[in-house]
């Protein structure tokens, strides 16, 4: 992990850090098991941990963050110019919460909904490959 990204994770409150790390691990797990994605670039974009399949250009960036202004939630953000959140909403409106056309909202006091999140992550990491099919 790059130093600036590590510092960002280290700065999260103690009760938030494990959930953020679990979400990060889930992104990497999906990337490793999804055809066409390849290695991820991990960096900060807009001060938030960001993950992009930079070698293959197969998908769009996923950002994750917790903000003190909304202490009860973690956000998983995708490019608002994609159709991803609309698709997520169609598939998982009864399981996930959303913010506009850019984020999946995850309550900090509940377990991560692994299976729906894995599908959402996979769709983002393959967005450019799959939009042509």
N, C-alpha and C. Protein backbone atom coordinates (compact mmCIF):
# COMPACT_ATOMS: atom_id res chain seq x y z
N UNK A 1 0.85 -1.17 0.00
CA UNK A 1 0.00 0.00 0.00
C UNK A 1 0.89 1.24 0.00
N UNK A 2 0.56 2.17 -0.86
CA UNK A 2 1.32 3.42 -0.92
C UNK A 2 1.21 4.17 0.41
N UNK A 3 2.23 4.95 0.72
CA UNK A 3 2.29 5.63 2.00
C UNK A 3 1.09 6.56 2.22
N UNK A 4 0.70 7.33 1.19
CA UNK A 4 -0.42 8.25 1.38
C UNK A 4 -1.74 7.51 1.60
N UNK A 5 -1.91 6.38 0.94
CA UNK A 5 -3.11 5.58 1.15
C UNK A 5 -3.08 4.97 2.55
N UNK A 6 -1.93 4.47 2.97
CA UNK A 6 -1.80 3.91 4.31
C UNK A 6 -2.12 4.96 5.37
N UNK A 7 -1.63 6.17 5.16
CA UNK A 7 -1.92 7.25 6.10
C UNK A 7 -3.41 7.55 6.18
N UNK A 8 -4.08 7.47 5.04
CA UNK A 8 -5.53 7.69 5.02
C UNK A 8 -6.23 6.62 5.86
N UNK A 9 -5.87 5.36 5.65
CA UNK A 9 -6.47 4.28 6.44
C UNK A 9 -6.15 4.44 7.92
N UNK A 10 -4.93 4.80 8.22
CA UNK A 10 -4.52 4.98 9.62
C UNK A 10 -5.29 6.12 10.30
N UNK A 11 -5.76 7.09 9.51
CA UNK A 11 -6.46 8.24 10.06
C UNK A 11 -7.94 7.95 10.37
N UNK A 12 -8.47 6.85 9.84
CA UNK A 12 -9.86 6.53 10.15
C UNK A 12 -9.99 6.19 11.63
N UNK A 13 -11.14 6.50 12.23
CA UNK A 13 -11.35 6.11 13.64
C UNK A 13 -11.24 4.59 13.80
N UNK A 14 -10.88 4.17 15.00
CA UNK A 14 -10.65 2.75 15.27
C UNK A 14 -11.82 1.86 14.91
N UNK A 15 -13.04 2.35 15.09
CA UNK A 15 -14.21 1.51 14.80
C UNK A 15 -14.55 1.50 13.30
N UNK A 16 -13.98 2.39 12.53
CA UNK A 16 -14.24 2.48 11.08
C UNK A 16 -13.18 1.72 10.28
N UNK A 17 -11.94 1.79 10.73
CA UNK A 17 -10.81 1.22 9.98
C UNK A 17 -11.04 -0.23 9.56
N UNK A 18 -11.48 -1.13 10.46
CA UNK A 18 -11.67 -2.53 10.03
C UNK A 18 -12.70 -2.69 8.91
N UNK A 19 -13.76 -1.91 8.95
CA UNK A 19 -14.78 -2.00 7.89
C UNK A 19 -14.22 -1.49 6.57
N UNK A 20 -13.45 -0.41 6.63
CA UNK A 20 -12.82 0.12 5.41
C UNK A 20 -11.84 -0.90 4.84
N UNK A 21 -11.06 -1.54 5.71
CA UNK A 21 -10.12 -2.56 5.24
C UNK A 21 -10.84 -3.76 4.67
N UNK A 22 -11.97 -4.13 5.25
CA UNK A 22 -12.76 -5.24 4.71
C UNK A 22 -13.29 -4.91 3.32
N UNK A 23 -13.74 -3.68 3.13
CA UNK A 23 -14.22 -3.27 1.82
C UNK A 23 -13.08 -3.24 0.81
N UNK A 24 -11.93 -2.75 1.22
CA UNK A 24 -10.73 -2.78 0.37
C UNK A 24 -10.38 -4.21 -0.03
N UNK A 25 -10.39 -5.11 0.95
CA UNK A 25 -10.07 -6.51 0.67
C UNK A 25 -11.07 -7.13 -0.30
N UNK A 26 -12.33 -6.77 -0.16
CA UNK A 26 -13.36 -7.28 -1.07
C UNK A 26 -13.10 -6.80 -2.50
N UNK A 27 -12.70 -5.55 -2.65
CA UNK A 27 -12.39 -5.02 -3.99
C UNK A 27 -11.24 -5.81 -4.60
N UNK A 28 -10.20 -6.07 -3.82
CA UNK A 28 -9.06 -6.84 -4.34
C UNK A 28 -9.45 -8.28 -4.64
N UNK A 29 -10.27 -8.88 -3.79
CA UNK A 29 -10.71 -10.25 -4.03
C UNK A 29 -11.49 -10.36 -5.34
N UNK A 30 -12.40 -9.42 -5.56
CA UNK A 30 -13.18 -9.43 -6.80
C UNK A 30 -12.26 -9.20 -8.00
N UNK A 31 -11.33 -8.28 -7.89
CA UNK A 31 -10.40 -8.01 -9.00
C UNK A 31 -9.61 -9.26 -9.36
N UNK A 32 -9.13 -9.98 -8.35
CA UNK A 32 -8.30 -11.16 -8.60
C UNK A 32 -9.09 -12.31 -9.22
N UNK A 33 -10.40 -12.34 -9.00
CA UNK A 33 -11.19 -13.46 -9.49
C UNK A 33 -12.08 -13.09 -10.67
N UNK A 34 -11.89 -11.91 -11.23
CA UNK A 34 -12.72 -11.45 -12.34
C UNK A 34 -11.89 -11.36 -13.61
N UNK A 35 -12.32 -12.08 -14.61
CA UNK A 35 -11.63 -12.11 -15.89
C UNK A 35 -11.58 -10.72 -16.51
N UNK A 36 -10.40 -10.37 -17.04
CA UNK A 36 -10.22 -9.12 -17.76
C UNK A 36 -9.84 -7.92 -16.93
N UNK A 37 -9.78 -8.06 -15.60
CA UNK A 37 -9.53 -6.90 -14.75
C UNK A 37 -8.04 -6.65 -14.56
N UNK A 38 -7.27 -7.66 -14.22
CA UNK A 38 -5.84 -7.48 -14.01
C UNK A 38 -5.54 -6.80 -12.69
N UNK A 39 -4.33 -6.27 -12.58
CA UNK A 39 -3.87 -5.61 -11.36
C UNK A 39 -4.59 -4.29 -11.15
N UNK A 40 -4.79 -3.96 -9.88
CA UNK A 40 -5.41 -2.68 -9.54
C UNK A 40 -4.35 -1.66 -9.18
N UNK A 41 -4.62 -0.43 -9.53
CA UNK A 41 -3.83 0.70 -9.03
C UNK A 41 -4.57 1.23 -7.81
N UNK A 42 -3.85 1.38 -6.71
CA UNK A 42 -4.44 1.93 -5.49
C UNK A 42 -3.82 3.30 -5.25
N UNK A 43 -4.66 4.30 -5.13
CA UNK A 43 -4.18 5.66 -4.98
C UNK A 43 -5.22 6.46 -4.20
N UNK A 44 -4.99 7.73 -4.03
CA UNK A 44 -6.00 8.62 -3.47
C UNK A 44 -6.53 9.50 -4.60
N UNK A 45 -7.84 9.59 -4.71
CA UNK A 45 -8.49 10.54 -5.62
C UNK A 45 -9.47 11.33 -4.79
N UNK A 46 -9.36 12.64 -4.85
CA UNK A 46 -10.17 13.53 -4.03
C UNK A 46 -10.01 13.18 -2.55
N UNK A 47 -8.80 12.73 -2.18
CA UNK A 47 -8.49 12.40 -0.80
C UNK A 47 -9.10 11.10 -0.31
N UNK A 48 -9.63 10.29 -1.23
CA UNK A 48 -10.29 9.04 -0.87
C UNK A 48 -9.54 7.86 -1.49
N UNK A 49 -9.46 6.72 -0.79
CA UNK A 49 -8.85 5.54 -1.39
C UNK A 49 -9.59 5.18 -2.69
N UNK A 50 -8.80 4.96 -3.75
CA UNK A 50 -9.38 4.70 -5.06
C UNK A 50 -8.70 3.50 -5.70
N UNK A 51 -9.48 2.74 -6.46
CA UNK A 51 -9.02 1.47 -7.05
C UNK A 51 -9.43 1.45 -8.51
N UNK A 52 -8.45 1.21 -9.37
CA UNK A 52 -8.68 1.25 -10.81
C UNK A 52 -7.87 0.17 -11.50
N UNK A 53 -8.50 -0.60 -12.39
CA UNK A 53 -7.74 -1.57 -13.18
C UNK A 53 -6.98 -0.84 -14.29
N UNK A 54 -5.84 -0.28 -13.94
CA UNK A 54 -5.14 0.64 -14.83
C UNK A 54 -4.46 -0.03 -16.02
N UNK A 55 -4.01 -1.27 -15.86
CA UNK A 55 -3.32 -1.93 -16.98
C UNK A 55 -4.29 -2.31 -18.09
N UNK A 56 -5.44 -2.83 -17.72
CA UNK A 56 -6.37 -3.32 -18.73
C UNK A 56 -7.37 -2.27 -19.19
N UNK A 57 -7.53 -1.20 -18.41
CA UNK A 57 -8.54 -0.18 -18.70
C UNK A 57 -9.93 -0.81 -18.85
N UNK A 58 -10.17 -1.89 -18.11
CA UNK A 58 -11.41 -2.64 -18.24
C UNK A 58 -12.58 -1.99 -17.52
N UNK A 59 -12.29 -1.15 -16.52
CA UNK A 59 -13.38 -0.64 -15.70
C UNK A 59 -13.19 0.80 -15.29
N UNK A 60 -14.05 1.21 -14.42
CA UNK A 60 -14.03 2.57 -13.91
C UNK A 60 -13.52 2.56 -12.46
N UNK A 61 -13.09 3.69 -11.99
CA UNK A 61 -12.54 3.82 -10.65
C UNK A 61 -13.63 3.59 -9.60
N UNK A 62 -13.25 2.88 -8.55
CA UNK A 62 -14.08 2.74 -7.35
C UNK A 62 -13.36 3.49 -6.24
N UNK A 63 -14.07 4.40 -5.59
CA UNK A 63 -13.53 5.09 -4.43
C UNK A 63 -14.34 4.67 -3.21
N UNK A 64 -13.68 4.62 -2.06
CA UNK A 64 -14.37 4.31 -0.81
C UNK A 64 -13.95 5.32 0.25
N UNK A 65 -14.88 5.67 1.13
CA UNK A 65 -14.51 6.62 2.16
C UNK A 65 -15.55 6.66 3.27
N UNK A 66 -15.09 7.11 4.42
CA UNK A 66 -15.93 7.45 5.56
C UNK A 66 -15.67 8.91 5.84
N UNK A 67 -16.73 9.65 6.13
CA UNK A 67 -16.58 11.08 6.38
C UNK A 67 -17.19 11.45 7.73
N UNK A 68 -16.51 12.29 8.50
CA UNK A 68 -17.05 12.71 9.80
C UNK A 68 -18.42 13.38 9.69
N UNK A 69 -18.72 14.01 8.55
CA UNK A 69 -20.01 14.67 8.37
C UNK A 69 -21.17 13.67 8.37
N UNK A 70 -20.88 12.44 7.95
CA UNK A 70 -21.88 11.38 7.91
C UNK A 70 -21.29 10.16 8.62
N UNK A 71 -21.17 10.22 9.94
CA UNK A 71 -20.42 9.22 10.69
C UNK A 71 -21.05 7.83 10.70
N UNK A 72 -22.31 7.71 10.29
CA UNK A 72 -22.99 6.42 10.35
C UNK A 72 -22.86 5.61 9.06
N UNK A 73 -22.09 6.11 8.09
CA UNK A 73 -22.04 5.42 6.81
C UNK A 73 -20.66 5.47 6.17
N UNK A 74 -20.45 4.48 5.32
CA UNK A 74 -19.29 4.42 4.43
C UNK A 74 -19.85 4.47 3.02
N UNK A 75 -19.16 5.18 2.15
CA UNK A 75 -19.61 5.26 0.76
C UNK A 75 -18.68 4.50 -0.16
N UNK A 76 -19.26 3.83 -1.15
CA UNK A 76 -18.51 3.24 -2.25
C UNK A 76 -18.97 4.00 -3.50
N UNK A 77 -18.05 4.78 -4.07
CA UNK A 77 -18.38 5.72 -5.13
C UNK A 77 -17.87 5.24 -6.48
N UNK A 78 -18.68 5.49 -7.51
CA UNK A 78 -18.27 5.25 -8.90
C UNK A 78 -18.51 6.53 -9.68
N UNK A 79 -17.97 6.59 -10.87
CA UNK A 79 -18.11 7.76 -11.73
C UNK A 79 -19.60 8.02 -11.98
N UNK A 80 -20.05 9.24 -11.71
CA UNK A 80 -21.47 9.58 -11.87
C UNK A 80 -21.90 9.63 -13.33
N UNK A 81 -20.96 9.60 -14.26
CA UNK A 81 -21.30 9.59 -15.68
C UNK A 81 -21.51 8.18 -16.22
N UNK A 82 -21.43 7.18 -15.35
CA UNK A 82 -21.72 5.81 -15.76
C UNK A 82 -23.17 5.49 -15.41
N UNK A 83 -23.63 4.34 -15.86
CA UNK A 83 -24.98 3.86 -15.53
C UNK A 83 -24.95 2.88 -14.36
N UNK A 84 -23.81 2.79 -13.69
CA UNK A 84 -23.64 1.75 -12.68
C UNK A 84 -24.63 1.85 -11.52
N UNK A 85 -24.78 3.01 -10.91
CA UNK A 85 -25.66 3.10 -9.74
C UNK A 85 -27.11 2.84 -10.14
N UNK A 86 -27.52 3.27 -11.33
CA UNK A 86 -28.87 2.95 -11.80
C UNK A 86 -29.05 1.43 -11.90
N UNK A 87 -28.05 0.76 -12.41
CA UNK A 87 -28.11 -0.70 -12.52
C UNK A 87 -28.10 -1.34 -11.14
N UNK A 88 -27.24 -0.86 -10.25
CA UNK A 88 -27.21 -1.38 -8.88
C UNK A 88 -28.58 -1.23 -8.23
N UNK A 89 -29.18 -0.07 -8.44
CA UNK A 89 -30.48 0.20 -7.83
C UNK A 89 -31.53 -0.79 -8.36
N UNK A 90 -31.51 -1.06 -9.64
CA UNK A 90 -32.45 -2.02 -10.23
C UNK A 90 -32.27 -3.40 -9.63
N UNK A 91 -31.02 -3.81 -9.45
CA UNK A 91 -30.72 -5.15 -8.94
C UNK A 91 -30.91 -5.28 -7.43
N UNK A 92 -30.57 -4.23 -6.68
CA UNK A 92 -30.45 -4.36 -5.23
C UNK A 92 -31.18 -3.29 -4.43
N UNK A 93 -32.26 -2.74 -4.98
CA UNK A 93 -32.94 -1.66 -4.26
C UNK A 93 -33.47 -2.09 -2.90
N UNK A 94 -33.71 -3.38 -2.72
CA UNK A 94 -34.22 -3.85 -1.44
C UNK A 94 -33.11 -4.26 -0.47
N UNK A 95 -31.83 -4.21 -0.93
CA UNK A 95 -30.71 -4.67 -0.12
C UNK A 95 -29.72 -3.55 0.20
N UNK A 96 -29.51 -2.64 -0.74
CA UNK A 96 -28.51 -1.59 -0.61
C UNK A 96 -29.16 -0.22 -0.58
N UNK A 97 -28.45 0.74 0.00
CA UNK A 97 -28.86 2.15 -0.04
C UNK A 97 -27.98 2.86 -1.06
N UNK A 98 -28.51 3.94 -1.65
CA UNK A 98 -27.79 4.66 -2.69
C UNK A 98 -27.85 6.16 -2.44
N UNK A 99 -26.87 6.84 -3.01
CA UNK A 99 -26.83 8.30 -2.98
C UNK A 99 -26.73 8.78 -4.41
N UNK A 100 -27.80 9.34 -4.91
CA UNK A 100 -27.81 9.86 -6.28
C UNK A 100 -27.39 8.82 -7.29
N UNK A 101 -26.54 9.24 -8.23
CA UNK A 101 -26.06 8.34 -9.27
C UNK A 101 -24.56 8.06 -9.10
N UNK A 102 -24.08 8.17 -7.83
CA UNK A 102 -22.65 8.02 -7.65
C UNK A 102 -22.22 7.10 -6.52
N UNK A 103 -23.13 6.67 -5.63
CA UNK A 103 -22.64 5.95 -4.46
C UNK A 103 -23.59 4.87 -3.96
N UNK A 104 -22.96 3.83 -3.42
CA UNK A 104 -23.63 2.84 -2.59
C UNK A 104 -23.29 3.23 -1.16
N UNK A 105 -24.30 3.32 -0.31
CA UNK A 105 -24.12 3.74 1.08
C UNK A 105 -24.20 2.50 1.97
N UNK A 106 -23.19 2.34 2.82
CA UNK A 106 -23.08 1.17 3.68
C UNK A 106 -23.11 1.61 5.15
N UNK A 107 -24.14 1.21 5.90
CA UNK A 107 -24.20 1.57 7.31
C UNK A 107 -23.03 0.96 8.09
N UNK A 108 -22.40 1.74 8.93
CA UNK A 108 -21.22 1.25 9.67
C UNK A 108 -21.59 0.25 10.75
N UNK A 109 -22.84 0.24 11.17
CA UNK A 109 -23.23 -0.66 12.26
C UNK A 109 -23.81 -1.99 11.76
N UNK A 110 -23.68 -2.27 10.46
CA UNK A 110 -24.17 -3.52 9.90
C UNK A 110 -23.05 -4.21 9.13
N UNK A 111 -23.12 -5.54 9.03
CA UNK A 111 -22.11 -6.24 8.23
C UNK A 111 -22.19 -5.82 6.76
N UNK A 112 -21.06 -5.89 6.07
CA UNK A 112 -21.07 -5.60 4.63
C UNK A 112 -21.90 -6.67 3.92
N UNK A 113 -22.81 -6.26 3.04
CA UNK A 113 -23.57 -7.23 2.26
C UNK A 113 -22.69 -7.79 1.13
N UNK A 114 -21.93 -8.82 1.46
CA UNK A 114 -20.85 -9.32 0.60
C UNK A 114 -21.29 -9.63 -0.83
N UNK A 115 -22.29 -10.45 -1.01
CA UNK A 115 -22.65 -10.89 -2.37
C UNK A 115 -23.11 -9.74 -3.26
N UNK A 116 -24.03 -8.89 -2.80
CA UNK A 116 -24.40 -7.76 -3.66
C UNK A 116 -23.23 -6.82 -3.94
N UNK A 117 -22.40 -6.58 -2.92
CA UNK A 117 -21.24 -5.71 -3.14
C UNK A 117 -20.27 -6.31 -4.14
N UNK A 118 -20.06 -7.61 -4.06
CA UNK A 118 -19.15 -8.25 -5.02
C UNK A 118 -19.65 -8.08 -6.45
N UNK A 119 -20.95 -8.19 -6.64
CA UNK A 119 -21.52 -7.99 -7.98
C UNK A 119 -21.34 -6.55 -8.42
N UNK A 120 -21.60 -5.60 -7.53
CA UNK A 120 -21.43 -4.18 -7.86
C UNK A 120 -19.97 -3.86 -8.19
N UNK A 121 -19.05 -4.38 -7.40
CA UNK A 121 -17.62 -4.16 -7.64
C UNK A 121 -17.22 -4.76 -8.97
N UNK A 122 -17.65 -5.98 -9.24
CA UNK A 122 -17.32 -6.64 -10.51
C UNK A 122 -17.83 -5.81 -11.69
N UNK A 123 -19.04 -5.31 -11.57
CA UNK A 123 -19.60 -4.49 -12.66
C UNK A 123 -18.77 -3.23 -12.89
N UNK A 124 -18.30 -2.60 -11.82
CA UNK A 124 -17.48 -1.39 -11.97
C UNK A 124 -16.13 -1.72 -12.57
N UNK A 125 -15.51 -2.80 -12.11
CA UNK A 125 -14.17 -3.16 -12.60
C UNK A 125 -14.19 -3.66 -14.04
N UNK A 126 -15.37 -4.04 -14.56
CA UNK A 126 -15.50 -4.49 -15.95
C UNK A 126 -16.37 -3.53 -16.78
N UNK A 127 -16.62 -2.36 -16.27
CA UNK A 127 -17.58 -1.44 -16.89
C UNK A 127 -17.30 -1.20 -18.38
N UNK A 128 -16.07 -0.91 -18.74
CA UNK A 128 -15.75 -0.60 -20.14
C UNK A 128 -15.80 -1.85 -21.00
N UNK A 129 -15.48 -2.99 -20.47
CA UNK A 129 -15.59 -4.25 -21.23
C UNK A 129 -17.05 -4.61 -21.48
N UNK A 130 -17.87 -4.47 -20.45
CA UNK A 130 -19.24 -4.95 -20.52
C UNK A 130 -20.21 -3.99 -21.20
N UNK A 131 -19.89 -2.70 -21.26
CA UNK A 131 -20.84 -1.76 -21.86
C UNK A 131 -20.93 -1.94 -23.37
N UNK A 132 -19.99 -2.66 -23.94
CA UNK A 132 -20.00 -2.90 -25.39
C UNK A 132 -20.73 -4.19 -25.75
N UNK A 133 -21.17 -4.92 -24.74
CA UNK A 133 -21.83 -6.21 -25.03
C UNK A 133 -23.31 -6.12 -24.89
